[in-house]
Protein backbone atom coordinates (compact mmCIF):
# COMPACT_ATOMS: atom_id res chain seq x y z
CA MET A 1 133.02 132.64 -9.91
CA ALA A 2 130.35 130.76 -7.88
CA VAL A 3 130.68 126.61 -7.57
CA PRO A 4 128.08 124.61 -6.31
CA LYS A 5 129.09 122.58 -3.29
CA LYS A 6 129.16 118.90 -3.32
CA ARG A 7 125.96 116.97 -2.13
CA THR A 8 126.15 115.54 1.47
CA SER A 9 125.44 111.79 1.49
CA LYS A 10 122.40 110.24 2.97
CA SER A 11 124.05 108.50 5.88
CA LYS A 12 126.31 111.48 6.79
CA LYS A 13 123.17 113.61 6.79
CA ASN A 14 121.27 111.01 8.94
CA LEU A 15 124.24 110.31 11.11
CA ARG A 16 124.50 114.23 11.87
CA LYS A 17 120.37 114.17 12.39
CA ASN A 18 120.76 111.28 14.87
CA VAL A 19 123.14 113.06 16.95
CA TRP A 20 121.03 116.11 17.20
CA LYS A 21 117.90 113.92 18.12
CA LYS A 22 119.81 112.15 20.71
CA LYS A 23 120.84 115.48 22.36
CA VAL A 24 117.52 116.83 22.31
CA GLU A 25 115.92 113.87 23.81
CA LYS A 26 118.19 113.67 26.57
CA LYS A 27 117.28 117.22 27.40
CA VAL A 28 113.69 116.32 27.17
CA GLN A 29 114.10 113.58 29.33
CA ARG A 30 115.59 115.62 31.97
CA ALA A 31 113.08 118.14 31.81
CA LEU A 32 110.66 115.89 32.47
CA PHE A 33 112.10 114.23 35.48
CA ILE A 34 112.57 117.43 37.06
CA ALA A 35 108.83 118.40 36.19
CA GLN A 36 107.84 114.97 38.14
CA VAL A 37 109.85 115.70 41.07
CA GLU A 38 108.37 119.25 41.24
CA LEU A 39 104.89 118.21 40.76
CA LYS A 40 105.50 115.50 43.61
CA ASN A 41 107.15 118.15 46.09
CA LEU A 42 103.93 120.43 45.67
CA PRO A 43 101.55 120.30 48.70
CA GLU A 44 98.52 118.42 48.10
CA THR A 45 95.20 120.70 48.11
CA ASP A 46 91.87 119.70 48.95
CA SER A 47 89.43 119.77 46.12
CA LYS A 48 86.99 121.76 47.73
CA THR A 49 89.34 124.62 48.38
CA SER A 50 90.44 124.73 44.66
CA ASN A 51 86.76 125.47 43.36
CA VAL A 52 86.99 129.19 44.30
């Protein structure tokens, strides 16, 4: 027979959520840093040549 599971406490739920958010934030920061580096490495073009 199916038995309902015990409810997870708010503190435990928030702890797990914060761990997940910190992992995601770390990955986002790294991705933004890499994007900034890539943008700085792009060769600069004249505004006249970009309007084709």
